[in-house]
Amino acid sequence: CAASGFSFNTAAMSWFRQAPGNEREGVAYISFSGYTTVYS
């Protein structure tokens, strides 16, 4: 995921996924520094 137009270094980032007919679910999270990660 390539980001532009905002301060990427100060933003937490996540991956979500959604299958047809399902709700969007969180897959993984990473803090702005990369120090903290969380997984479903």
Full PDB file with SEQRES, HELIX, SHEET, SSBOND, CRYST1, ORIGX, SCALE, CONECT and MASTER records, all heavy atoms in Angstrom:
SEQRES   1 A   40  CYS ALA ALA SER GLY PHE SER PHE ASN THR ALA ALA MET          
SEQRES   2 A   40  SER TRP PHE ARG GLN ALA PRO GLY ASN GLU ARG GLU GLY          
SEQRES   3 A   40  VAL ALA TYR ILE SER PHE SER GLY TYR THR THR VAL TYR          
SEQRES   4 A   40  SER                                                          
HELIX    1 AA1 PHE A    8  THR A   10  5                                   3    
SHEET    1 AA1 3 MET A  13  ARG A  17  0                                        
SHEET    2 AA1 3 GLU A  25  ILE A  30 -1                                        
SHEET    3 AA1 3 THR A  37  TYR A  39 -1                                        
CRYST1    1.000    1.000    1.000  90.00  90.00  90.00 P 1           1          
ORIGX1      1.000000  0.000000  0.000000        0.00000                         
ORIGX2      0.000000  1.000000  0.000000        0.00000                         
ORIGX3      0.000000  0.000000  1.000000        0.00000                         
SCALE1      1.000000  0.000000  0.000000        0.00000                         
SCALE2      0.000000  1.000000  0.000000        0.00000                         
SCALE3      0.000000  0.000000  1.000000        0.00000                         
ATOM      1  N   CYS A   1       0.855  -1.181   0.000  1.00  0.00           N  
ATOM      2  CA  CYS A   1       0.000   0.000   0.000  1.00  0.00           C  
ATOM      3  C   CYS A   1       0.889   1.227   0.000  1.00  0.00           C  
ATOM      4  O   CYS A   1       1.592   1.490   0.985  1.00  0.00           O  
ATOM      5  CB  CYS A   1      -0.924  -0.006   1.216  1.00  0.00           C  
ATOM      6  SG  CYS A   1      -1.897   1.501   1.422  1.00  0.00           S  
ATOM      7  N   ALA A   2       0.865   1.954  -1.084  1.00  0.00           N  
ATOM      8  CA  ALA A   2       1.648   3.176  -1.218  1.00  0.00           C  
ATOM      9  C   ALA A   2       0.782   4.374  -0.860  1.00  0.00           C  
ATOM     10  O   ALA A   2      -0.313   4.541  -1.395  1.00  0.00           O  
ATOM     11  CB  ALA A   2       2.180   3.309  -2.639  1.00  0.00           C  
ATOM     12  N   ALA A   3       1.279   5.211   0.039  1.00  0.00           N  
ATOM     13  CA  ALA A   3       0.520   6.344   0.548  1.00  0.00           C  
ATOM     14  C   ALA A   3       1.129   7.662   0.091  1.00  0.00           C  
ATOM     15  O   ALA A   3       2.341   7.789  -0.066  1.00  0.00           O  
ATOM     16  CB  ALA A   3       0.472   6.313   2.075  1.00  0.00           C  
ATOM     17  N   SER A   4       0.265   8.642  -0.094  1.00  0.00           N  
ATOM     18  CA  SER A   4       0.718   9.978  -0.444  1.00  0.00           C  
ATOM     19  C   SER A   4      -0.327  10.999  -0.017  1.00  0.00           C  
ATOM     20  O   SER A   4      -1.497  10.671   0.159  1.00  0.00           O  
ATOM     21  CB  SER A   4       0.986  10.105  -1.948  1.00  0.00           C  
ATOM     22  OG  SER A   4      -0.194   9.866  -2.697  1.00  0.00           O  
ATOM     23  N   GLY A   5       0.100  12.244   0.171  1.00  0.00           N  
ATOM     24  CA  GLY A   5      -0.825  13.320   0.456  1.00  0.00           C  
ATOM     25  C   GLY A   5      -1.115  13.576   1.921  1.00  0.00           C  
ATOM     26  O   GLY A   5      -1.938  14.440   2.239  1.00  0.00           O  
ATOM     27  N   PHE A   6      -0.468  12.859   2.813  1.00  0.00           N  
ATOM     28  CA  PHE A   6      -0.623  13.089   4.244  1.00  0.00           C  
ATOM     29  C   PHE A   6       0.646  12.663   4.958  1.00  0.00           C  
ATOM     30  O   PHE A   6       1.552  12.082   4.346  1.00  0.00           O  
ATOM     31  CB  PHE A   6      -1.852  12.365   4.799  1.00  0.00           C  
ATOM     32  CG  PHE A   6      -1.753  10.866   4.774  1.00  0.00           C  
ATOM     33  CD1 PHE A   6      -1.384  10.158   5.909  1.00  0.00           C  
ATOM     34  CD2 PHE A   6      -2.028  10.157   3.616  1.00  0.00           C  
ATOM     35  CE1 PHE A   6      -1.296   8.771   5.890  1.00  0.00           C  
ATOM     36  CE2 PHE A   6      -1.943   8.776   3.583  1.00  0.00           C  
ATOM     37  CZ  PHE A   6      -1.576   8.083   4.723  1.00  0.00           C  
ATOM     38  N   SER A   7       0.693  12.939   6.254  1.00  0.00           N  
ATOM     39  CA  SER A   7       1.881  12.625   7.038  1.00  0.00           C  
ATOM     40  C   SER A   7       1.874  11.149   7.408  1.00  0.00           C  
ATOM     41  O   SER A   7       1.352  10.758   8.454  1.00  0.00           O  
ATOM     42  CB  SER A   7       1.945  13.500   8.291  1.00  0.00           C  
ATOM     43  OG  SER A   7       3.128  13.239   9.025  1.00  0.00           O  
ATOM     44  N   PHE A   8       2.455  10.347   6.545  1.00  0.00           N  
ATOM     45  CA  PHE A   8       2.453   8.905   6.730  1.00  0.00           C  
ATOM     46  C   PHE A   8       3.156   8.498   8.023  1.00  0.00           C  
ATOM     47  O   PHE A   8       2.724   7.563   8.703  1.00  0.00           O  
ATOM     48  CB  PHE A   8       3.115   8.241   5.524  1.00  0.00           C  
ATOM     49  CG  PHE A   8       3.167   6.748   5.587  1.00  0.00           C  
ATOM     50  CD1 PHE A   8       2.076   5.991   5.191  1.00  0.00           C  
ATOM     51  CD2 PHE A   8       4.303   6.092   6.037  1.00  0.00           C  
ATOM     52  CE1 PHE A   8       2.112   4.614   5.236  1.00  0.00           C  
ATOM     53  CE2 PHE A   8       4.355   4.708   6.079  1.00  0.00           C  
ATOM     54  CZ  PHE A   8       3.254   3.963   5.682  1.00  0.00           C  
ATOM     55  N   ASN A   9       4.220   9.191   8.361  1.00  0.00           N  
ATOM     56  CA  ASN A   9       5.039   8.828   9.516  1.00  0.00           C  
ATOM     57  C   ASN A   9       4.299   8.919  10.845  1.00  0.00           C  
ATOM     58  O   ASN A   9       4.723   8.299  11.822  1.00  0.00           O  
ATOM     59  CB  ASN A   9       6.292   9.705   9.583  1.00  0.00           C  
ATOM     60  CG  ASN A   9       7.269   9.444   8.466  1.00  0.00           C  
ATOM     61  OD1 ASN A   9       6.884   9.055   7.365  1.00  0.00           O  
ATOM     62  ND2 ASN A   9       8.543   9.666   8.744  1.00  0.00           N  
ATOM     63  N   THR A  10       3.222   9.688  10.904  1.00  0.00           N  
ATOM     64  CA  THR A  10       2.473   9.868  12.145  1.00  0.00           C  
ATOM     65  C   THR A  10       1.137   9.144  12.130  1.00  0.00           C  
ATOM     66  O   THR A  10       0.332   9.327  13.040  1.00  0.00           O  
ATOM     67  CB  THR A  10       2.245  11.354  12.433  1.00  0.00           C  
ATOM     68  OG1 THR A  10       1.477  11.941  11.374  1.00  0.00           O  
ATOM     69  CG2 THR A  10       3.574  12.087  12.557  1.00  0.00           C  
ATOM     70  N   ALA A  11       0.887   8.340  11.124  1.00  0.00           N  
ATOM     71  CA  ALA A  11      -0.395   7.670  10.974  1.00  0.00           C  
ATOM     72  C   ALA A  11      -0.264   6.173  11.221  1.00  0.00           C  
ATOM     73  O   ALA A  11       0.635   5.522  10.693  1.00  0.00           O  
ATOM     74  CB  ALA A  11      -0.962   7.908   9.579  1.00  0.00           C  
ATOM     75  N   ALA A  12      -1.177   5.657  12.029  1.00  0.00           N  
ATOM     76  CA  ALA A  12      -1.298   4.210  12.144  1.00  0.00           C  
ATOM     77  C   ALA A  12      -1.943   3.651  10.880  1.00  0.00           C  
ATOM     78  O   ALA A  12      -2.771   4.312  10.253  1.00  0.00           O  
ATOM     79  CB  ALA A  12      -2.134   3.841  13.366  1.00  0.00           C  
ATOM     80  N   MET A  13      -1.554   2.450  10.516  1.00  0.00           N  
ATOM     81  CA  MET A  13      -2.050   1.837   9.292  1.00  0.00           C  
ATOM     82  C   MET A  13      -2.620   0.464   9.593  1.00  0.00           C  
ATOM     83  O   MET A  13      -2.136  -0.252  10.466  1.00  0.00           O  
ATOM     84  CB  MET A  13      -0.929   1.702   8.255  1.00  0.00           C  
ATOM     85  CG  MET A  13      -0.231   3.005   7.898  1.00  0.00           C  
ATOM     86  SD  MET A  13      -1.311   4.147   6.999  1.00  0.00           S  
ATOM     87  CE  MET A  13      -1.588   3.211   5.479  1.00  0.00           C  
ATOM     88  N   SER A  14      -3.640   0.095   8.834  1.00  0.00           N  
ATOM     89  CA  SER A  14      -4.246  -1.218   8.984  1.00  0.00           C  
ATOM     90  C   SER A  14      -4.605  -1.799   7.634  1.00  0.00           C  
ATOM     91  O   SER A  14      -4.751  -1.081   6.642  1.00  0.00           O  
ATOM     92  CB  SER A  14      -5.515  -1.156   9.845  1.00  0.00           C  
ATOM     93  OG  SER A  14      -5.204  -0.931  11.208  1.00  0.00           O  
ATOM     94  N   TRP A  15      -4.739  -3.104   7.634  1.00  0.00           N  
ATOM     95  CA  TRP A  15      -5.322  -3.829   6.513  1.00  0.00           C  
ATOM     96  C   TRP A  15      -6.666  -4.396   6.935  1.00  0.00           C  
ATOM     97  O   TRP A  15      -6.786  -5.001   8.007  1.00  0.00           O  
ATOM     98  CB  TRP A  15      -4.412  -4.969   6.048  1.00  0.00           C  
ATOM     99  CG  TRP A  15      -3.195  -4.511   5.320  1.00  0.00           C  
ATOM    100  CD1 TRP A  15      -1.966  -4.265   5.840  1.00  0.00           C  
ATOM    101  CD2 TRP A  15      -3.089  -4.255   3.916  1.00  0.00           C  
ATOM    102  NE1 TRP A  15      -1.093  -3.867   4.862  1.00  0.00           N  
ATOM    103  CE2 TRP A  15      -1.757  -3.852   3.666  1.00  0.00           C  
ATOM    104  CE3 TRP A  15      -3.989  -4.332   2.847  1.00  0.00           C  
ATOM    105  CZ2 TRP A  15      -1.307  -3.526   2.383  1.00  0.00           C  
ATOM    106  CZ3 TRP A  15      -3.536  -3.996   1.580  1.00  0.00           C  
ATOM    107  CH2 TRP A  15      -2.217  -3.607   1.364  1.00  0.00           C  
ATOM    108  N   PHE A  16      -7.663  -4.183   6.113  1.00  0.00           N  
ATOM    109  CA  PHE A  16      -8.978  -4.769   6.279  1.00  0.00           C  
ATOM    110  C   PHE A  16      -9.272  -5.657   5.081  1.00  0.00           C  
ATOM    111  O   PHE A  16      -8.623  -5.554   4.038  1.00  0.00           O  
ATOM    112  CB  PHE A  16     -10.062  -3.689   6.387  1.00  0.00           C  
ATOM    113  CG  PHE A  16     -10.044  -2.919   7.679  1.00  0.00           C  
ATOM    114  CD1 PHE A  16      -9.121  -1.916   7.895  1.00  0.00           C  
ATOM    115  CD2 PHE A  16     -10.971  -3.198   8.671  1.00  0.00           C  
ATOM    116  CE1 PHE A  16      -9.108  -1.202   9.085  1.00  0.00           C  
ATOM    117  CE2 PHE A  16     -10.976  -2.484   9.864  1.00  0.00           C  
ATOM    118  CZ  PHE A  16     -10.041  -1.489  10.068  1.00  0.00           C  
ATOM    119  N   ARG A  17     -10.265  -6.509   5.223  1.00  0.00           N  
ATOM    120  CA  ARG A  17     -10.707  -7.301   4.089  1.00  0.00           C  
ATOM    121  C   ARG A  17     -12.216  -7.462   4.134  1.00  0.00           C  
ATOM    122  O   ARG A  17     -12.835  -7.403   5.188  1.00  0.00           O  
ATOM    123  CB  ARG A  17     -10.026  -8.670   4.051  1.00  0.00           C  
ATOM    124  CG  ARG A  17     -10.421  -9.611   5.184  1.00  0.00           C  
ATOM    125  CD  ARG A  17      -9.598 -10.886   5.108  1.00  0.00           C  
ATOM    126  NE  ARG A  17      -9.972 -11.858   6.118  1.00  0.00           N  
ATOM    127  CZ  ARG A  17      -9.341 -13.011   6.329  1.00  0.00           C  
ATOM    128  NH1 ARG A  17      -8.285 -13.332   5.579  1.00  0.00           N  
ATOM    129  NH2 ARG A  17      -9.756 -13.839   7.283  1.00  0.00           N  
ATOM    130  N   GLN A  18     -12.790  -7.676   2.961  1.00  0.00           N  
ATOM    131  CA  GLN A  18     -14.233  -7.835   2.856  1.00  0.00           C  
ATOM    132  C   GLN A  18     -14.559  -8.782   1.718  1.00  0.00           C  
ATOM    133  O   GLN A  18     -14.184  -8.540   0.571  1.00  0.00           O  
ATOM    134  CB  GLN A  18     -14.910  -6.482   2.625  1.00  0.00           C  
ATOM    135  CG  GLN A  18     -16.426  -6.543   2.670  1.00  0.00           C  
ATOM    136  CD  GLN A  18     -17.062  -5.170   2.715  1.00  0.00           C  
ATOM    137  OE1 GLN A  18     -16.459  -4.180   2.284  1.00  0.00           O  
ATOM    138  NE2 GLN A  18     -18.264  -5.083   3.245  1.00  0.00           N  
ATOM    139  N   ALA A  19     -15.246  -9.850   2.054  1.00  0.00           N  
ATOM    140  CA  ALA A  19     -15.747 -10.790   1.068  1.00  0.00           C  
ATOM    141  C   ALA A  19     -17.190 -10.424   0.727  1.00  0.00           C  
ATOM    142  O   ALA A  19     -17.885  -9.811   1.545  1.00  0.00           O  
ATOM    143  CB  ALA A  19     -15.666 -12.216   1.596  1.00  0.00           C  
ATOM    144  N   PRO A  20     -17.668 -10.787  -0.443  1.00  0.00           N  
ATOM    145  CA  PRO A  20     -19.045 -10.459  -0.822  1.00  0.00           C  
ATOM    146  C   PRO A  20     -20.055 -10.941   0.208  1.00  0.00           C  
ATOM    147  O   PRO A  20     -20.018 -12.093   0.639  1.00  0.00           O  
ATOM    148  CB  PRO A  20     -19.227 -11.185  -2.158  1.00  0.00           C  
ATOM    149  CG  PRO A  20     -17.850 -11.258  -2.724  1.00  0.00           C  
ATOM    150  CD  PRO A  20     -16.951 -11.472  -1.535  1.00  0.00           C  
ATOM    151  N   GLY A  21     -20.943 -10.040   0.622  1.00  0.00           N  
ATOM    152  CA  GLY A  21     -21.962 -10.370   1.603  1.00  0.00           C  
ATOM    153  C   GLY A  21     -21.514 -10.302   3.037  1.00  0.00           C  
ATOM    154  O   GLY A  21     -22.341 -10.463   3.946  1.00  0.00           O  
ATOM    155  N   ASN A  22     -20.237 -10.075   3.280  1.00  0.00           N  
ATOM    156  CA  ASN A  22     -19.706 -10.007   4.632  1.00  0.00           C  
ATOM    157  C   ASN A  22     -19.360  -8.580   5.018  1.00  0.00           C  
ATOM    158  O   ASN A  22     -19.184  -7.708   4.168  1.00  0.00           O  
ATOM    159  CB  ASN A  22     -18.460 -10.878   4.764  1.00  0.00           C  
ATOM    160  CG  ASN A  22     -18.747 -12.352   4.623  1.00  0.00           C  
ATOM    161  OD1 ASN A  22     -19.899 -12.775   4.662  1.00  0.00           O  
ATOM    162  ND2 ASN A  22     -17.692 -13.141   4.465  1.00  0.00           N  
ATOM    163  N   GLU A  23     -19.248  -8.353   6.322  1.00  0.00           N  
ATOM    164  CA  GLU A  23     -18.802  -7.066   6.815  1.00  0.00           C  
ATOM    165  C   GLU A  23     -17.293  -6.935   6.646  1.00  0.00           C  
ATOM    166  O   GLU A  23     -16.563  -7.928   6.571  1.00  0.00           O  
ATOM    167  CB  GLU A  23     -19.173  -6.886   8.285  1.00  0.00           C  
ATOM    168  CG  GLU A  23     -20.661  -6.777   8.549  1.00  0.00           C  
ATOM    169  CD  GLU A  23     -20.963  -6.427   9.990  1.00  0.00           C  
ATOM    170  OE1 GLU A  23     -20.044  -6.483  10.829  1.00  0.00           O  
ATOM    171  OE2 GLU A  23     -22.114  -6.083  10.278  1.00  0.00           O  
ATOM    172  N   ARG A  24     -16.849  -5.715   6.593  1.00  0.00           N  
ATOM    173  CA  ARG A  24     -15.426  -5.452   6.523  1.00  0.00           C  
ATOM    174  C   ARG A  24     -14.786  -5.788   7.866  1.00  0.00           C  
ATOM    175  O   ARG A  24     -15.256  -5.364   8.921  1.00  0.00           O  
ATOM    176  CB  ARG A  24     -15.180  -3.990   6.154  1.00  0.00           C  
ATOM    177  CG  ARG A  24     -13.745  -3.664   5.814  1.00  0.00           C  
ATOM    178  CD  ARG A  24     -13.645  -2.305   5.130  1.00  0.00           C  
ATOM    179  NE  ARG A  24     -14.393  -2.281   3.876  1.00  0.00           N  
ATOM    180  CZ  ARG A  24     -14.362  -1.277   3.013  1.00  0.00           C  
ATOM    181  NH1 ARG A  24     -13.622  -0.206   3.266  1.00  0.00           N  
ATOM    182  NH2 ARG A  24     -15.075  -1.336   1.901  1.00  0.00           N  
ATOM    183  N   GLU A  25     -13.721  -6.564   7.836  1.00  0.00           N  
ATOM    184  CA  GLU A  25     -13.068  -6.989   9.061  1.00  0.00           C  
ATOM    185  C   GLU A  25     -11.603  -6.581   9.076  1.00  0.00           C  
ATOM    186  O   GLU A  25     -10.926  -6.618   8.048  1.00  0.00           O  
ATOM    187  CB  GLU A  25     -13.188  -8.501   9.255  1.00  0.00           C  
ATOM    188  CG  GLU A  25     -12.489  -9.327   8.196  1.00  0.00           C  
ATOM    189  CD  GLU A  25     -12.433 -10.805   8.532  1.00  0.00           C  
ATOM    190  OE1 GLU A  25     -12.324 -11.146   9.729  1.00  0.00           O  
ATOM    191  OE2 GLU A  25     -12.499 -11.626   7.592  1.00  0.00           O  
ATOM    192  N   GLY A  26     -11.135  -6.216  10.252  1.00  0.00           N  
ATOM    193  CA  GLY A  26      -9.740  -5.884  10.413  1.00  0.00           C  
ATOM    194  C   GLY A  26      -8.867  -7.116  10.326  1.00  0.00           C  
ATOM    195  O   GLY A  26      -9.194  -8.166  10.883  1.00  0.00           O  
ATOM    196  N   VAL A  27      -7.751  -6.997   9.641  1.00  0.00           N  
ATOM    197  CA  VAL A  27      -6.803  -8.089   9.475  1.00  0.00           C  
ATOM    198  C   VAL A  27      -5.544  -7.853  10.291  1.00  0.00           C  
ATOM    199  O   VAL A  27      -5.089  -8.734  11.019  1.00  0.00           O  
ATOM    200  CB  VAL A  27      -6.447  -8.288   7.991  1.00  0.00           C  
ATOM    201  CG1 VAL A  27      -5.407  -9.389   7.834  1.00  0.00           C  
ATOM    202  CG2 VAL A  27      -7.692  -8.607   7.186  1.00  0.00           C  
ATOM    203  N   ALA A  28      -4.977  -6.666  10.166  1.00  0.00           N  
ATOM    204  CA  ALA A  28      -3.735  -6.366  10.864  1.00  0.00           C  
ATOM    205  C   ALA A  28      -3.588  -4.866  11.050  1.00  0.00           C  
ATOM    206  O   ALA A  28      -4.110  -4.078  10.262  1.00  0.00           O  
ATOM    207  CB  ALA A  28      -2.532  -6.920  10.100  1.00  0.00           C  
ATOM    208  N   TYR A  29      -2.853  -4.496  12.074  1.00  0.00           N  
ATOM    209  CA  TYR A  29      -2.639  -3.101  12.446  1.00  0.00           C  
ATOM    210  C   TYR A  29      -1.172  -2.888  12.751  1.00  0.00           C  
ATOM    211  O   TYR A  29      -0.504  -3.775  13.300  1.00  0.00           O  
ATOM    212  CB  TYR A  29      -3.485  -2.759  13.688  1.00  0.00           C  
ATOM    213  CG  TYR A  29      -3.109  -1.485  14.416  1.00  0.00           C  
ATOM    214  CD1 TYR A  29      -3.772  -0.294  14.146  1.00  0.00           C  
ATOM    215  CD2 TYR A  29      -2.119  -1.483  15.385  1.00  0.00           C  
ATOM    216  CE1 TYR A  29      -3.445   0.871  14.828  1.00  0.00           C  
ATOM    217  CE2 TYR A  29      -1.783  -0.317  16.072  1.00  0.00           C  
ATOM    218  CZ  TYR A  29      -2.458   0.855  15.786  1.00  0.00           C  
ATOM    219  OH  TYR A  29      -2.133   2.008  16.465  1.00  0.00           O  
ATOM    220  N   ILE A  30      -0.685  -1.701  12.427  1.00  0.00           N  
ATOM    221  CA  ILE A  30       0.670  -1.331  12.795  1.00  0.00           C  
ATOM    222  C   ILE A  30       0.684   0.132  13.208  1.00  0.00           C  
ATOM    223  O   ILE A  30       0.078   0.985  12.559  1.00  0.00           O  
ATOM    224  CB  ILE A  30       1.667  -1.613  11.642  1.00  0.00           C  
ATOM    225  CG1 ILE A  30       3.110  -1.405  12.111  1.00  0.00           C  
ATOM    226  CG2 ILE A  30       1.349  -0.774  10.413  1.00  0.00           C  
ATOM    227  CD1 ILE A  30       4.132  -1.990  11.142  1.00  0.00           C  
ATOM    228  N   SER A  31       1.356   0.421  14.312  1.00  0.00           N  
ATOM    229  CA  SER A  31       1.412   1.781  14.822  1.00  0.00           C  
ATOM    230  C   SER A  31       2.271   2.653  13.915  1.00  0.00           C  
ATOM    231  O   SER A  31       2.955   2.175  13.009  1.00  0.00           O  
ATOM    232  CB  SER A  31       1.960   1.790  16.248  1.00  0.00           C  
ATOM    233  OG  SER A  31       3.290   1.296  16.289  1.00  0.00           O  
ATOM    234  N   PHE A  32       2.229   3.951  14.174  1.00  0.00           N  
ATOM    235  CA  PHE A  32       2.922   4.897  13.299  1.00  0.00           C  
ATOM    236  C   PHE A  32       4.419   4.643  13.216  1.00  0.00           C  
ATOM    237  O   PHE A  32       5.044   4.898  12.179  1.00  0.00           O  
ATOM    238  CB  PHE A  32       2.654   6.337  13.760  1.00  0.00           C  
ATOM    239  CG  PHE A  32       3.314   6.700  15.063  1.00  0.00           C  
ATOM    240  CD1 PHE A  32       4.566   7.286  15.095  1.00  0.00           C  
ATOM    241  CD2 PHE A  32       2.672   6.464  16.267  1.00  0.00           C  
ATOM    242  CE1 PHE A  32       5.177   7.625  16.291  1.00  0.00           C  
ATOM    243  CE2 PHE A  32       3.271   6.801  17.478  1.00  0.00           C  
ATOM    244  CZ  PHE A  32       4.527   7.375  17.481  1.00  0.00           C  
ATOM    245  N   SER A  33       4.990   4.139  14.300  1.00  0.00           N  
ATOM    246  CA  SER A  33       6.422   3.875  14.332  1.00  0.00           C  
ATOM    247  C   SER A  33       6.770   2.451  13.914  1.00  0.00           C  
ATOM    248  O   SER A  33       7.940   2.156  13.663  1.00  0.00           O  
ATOM    249  CB  SER A  33       6.965   4.124  15.731  1.00  0.00           C  
ATOM    250  OG  SER A  33       6.419   3.200  16.659  1.00  0.00           O  
ATOM    251  N   GLY A  34       5.773   1.588  13.850  1.00  0.00           N  
ATOM    252  CA  GLY A  34       6.008   0.181  13.595  1.00  0.00           C  
ATOM    253  C   GLY A  34       6.277  -0.630  14.837  1.00  0.00           C  
ATOM    254  O   GLY A  34       6.480  -1.843  14.745  1.00  0.00           O  
ATOM    255  N   TYR A  35       6.274   0.015  15.995  1.00  0.00           N  
ATOM    256  CA  TYR A  35       6.597  -0.665  17.235  1.00  0.00           C  
ATOM    257  C   TYR A  35       5.529  -1.674  17.640  1.00  0.00           C  
ATOM    258  O   TYR A  35       5.845  -2.745  18.171  1.00  0.00           O  
ATOM    259  CB  TYR A  35       6.794   0.359  18.358  1.00  0.00           C  
ATOM    260  CG  TYR A  35       7.160  -0.232  19.690  1.00  0.00           C  
ATOM    261  CD1 TYR A  35       8.460  -0.647  19.947  1.00  0.00           C  
ATOM    262  CD2 TYR A  35       6.209  -0.369  20.693  1.00  0.00           C  
ATOM    263  CE1 TYR A  35       8.806  -1.187  21.167  1.00  0.00           C  
ATOM    264  CE2 TYR A  35       6.549  -0.909  21.923  1.00  0.00           C  
ATOM    265  CZ  TYR A  35       7.850  -1.319  22.155  1.00  0.00           C  
ATOM    266  OH  TYR A  35       8.183  -1.853  23.369  1.00  0.00           O  
ATOM    267  N   THR A  36       4.259  -1.331  17.397  1.00  0.00           N  
ATOM    268  CA  THR A  36       3.151  -2.176  17.808  1.00  0.00           C  
ATOM    269  C   THR A  36       2.453  -2.761  16.595  1.00  0.00           C  
ATOM    270  O   THR A  36       2.144  -2.041  15.648  1.00  0.00           O  
ATOM    271  CB  THR A  36       2.136  -1.381  18.642  1.00  0.00           C  
ATOM    272  OG1 THR A  36       2.789  -0.835  19.789  1.00  0.00           O  
ATOM    273  CG2 THR A  36       0.983  -2.273  19.089  1.00  0.00           C  
ATOM    274  N   THR A  37       2.216  -4.066  16.631  1.00  0.00           N  
ATOM    275  CA  THR A  37       1.422  -4.726  15.602  1.00  0.00           C  
ATOM    276  C   THR A  37       0.330  -5.557  16.263  1.00  0.00           C  
ATOM    277  O   THR A  37       0.515  -6.095  17.353  1.00  0.00           O  
ATOM    278  CB  THR A  37       2.275  -5.625  14.702  1.00  0.00           C  
ATOM    279  OG1 THR A  37       2.944  -6.609  15.498  1.00  0.00           O  
ATOM    280  CG2 THR A  37       3.312  -4.808  13.944  1.00  0.00           C  
ATOM    281  N   VAL A  38      -0.811  -5.651  15.603  1.00  0.00           N  
ATOM    282  CA  VAL A  38      -1.948  -6.421  16.082  1.00  0.00           C  
ATOM    283  C   VAL A  38      -2.519  -7.202  14.913  1.00  0.00           C  
ATOM    284  O   VAL A  38      -2.598  -6.684  13.797  1.00  0.00           O  
ATOM    285  CB  VAL A  38      -3.043  -5.524  16.697  1.00  0.00           C  
ATOM    286  CG1 VAL A  38      -4.150  -6.381  17.318  1.00  0.00           C  
ATOM    287  CG2 VAL A  38      -2.459  -4.582  17.739  1.00  0.00           C  
ATOM    288  N   TYR A  39      -2.942  -8.436  15.181  1.00  0.00           N  
ATOM    289  CA  TYR A  39      -3.501  -9.288  14.145  1.00  0.00           C  
ATOM    290  C   TYR A  39      -4.836  -9.852  14.583  1.00  0.00           C  
ATOM    291  O   TYR A  39      -5.073 -10.089  15.765  1.00  0.00           O  
ATOM    292  CB  TYR A  39      -2.557 -10.446  13.822  1.00  0.00           C  
ATOM    293  CG  TYR A  39      -1.215  -9.999  13.306  1.00  0.00           C  
ATOM    294  CD1 TYR A  39      -0.133  -9.832  14.165  1.00  0.00           C  
ATOM    295  CD2 TYR A  39      -1.030  -9.729  11.954  1.00  0.00           C  
ATOM    296  CE1 TYR A  39       1.095  -9.412  13.690  1.00  0.00           C  
ATOM    297  CE2 TYR A  39       0.196  -9.307  11.473  1.00  0.00           C  
ATOM    298  CZ  TYR A  39       1.254  -9.149  12.347  1.00  0.00           C  
ATOM    299  OH  TYR A  39       2.471  -8.730  11.872  1.00  0.00           O  
ATOM    300  N   SER A  40      -5.700 -10.082  13.623  1.00  0.00           N  
ATOM    301  CA  SER A  40      -6.948 -10.755  13.909  1.00  0.00           C  
ATOM    302  C   SER A  40      -6.682 -12.227  14.197  1.00  0.00           C  
ATOM    303  O   SER A  40      -5.657 -12.786  13.786  1.00  0.00           O  
ATOM    304  CB  SER A  40      -7.919 -10.615  12.736  1.00  0.00           C  
ATOM    305  OG  SER A  40      -7.451 -11.335  11.617  1.00  0.00           O  
TER     306      SER A  40                                                      
MASTER        0    0    0    1    3    0    0    6  305    1    0    4          
END                                                                             
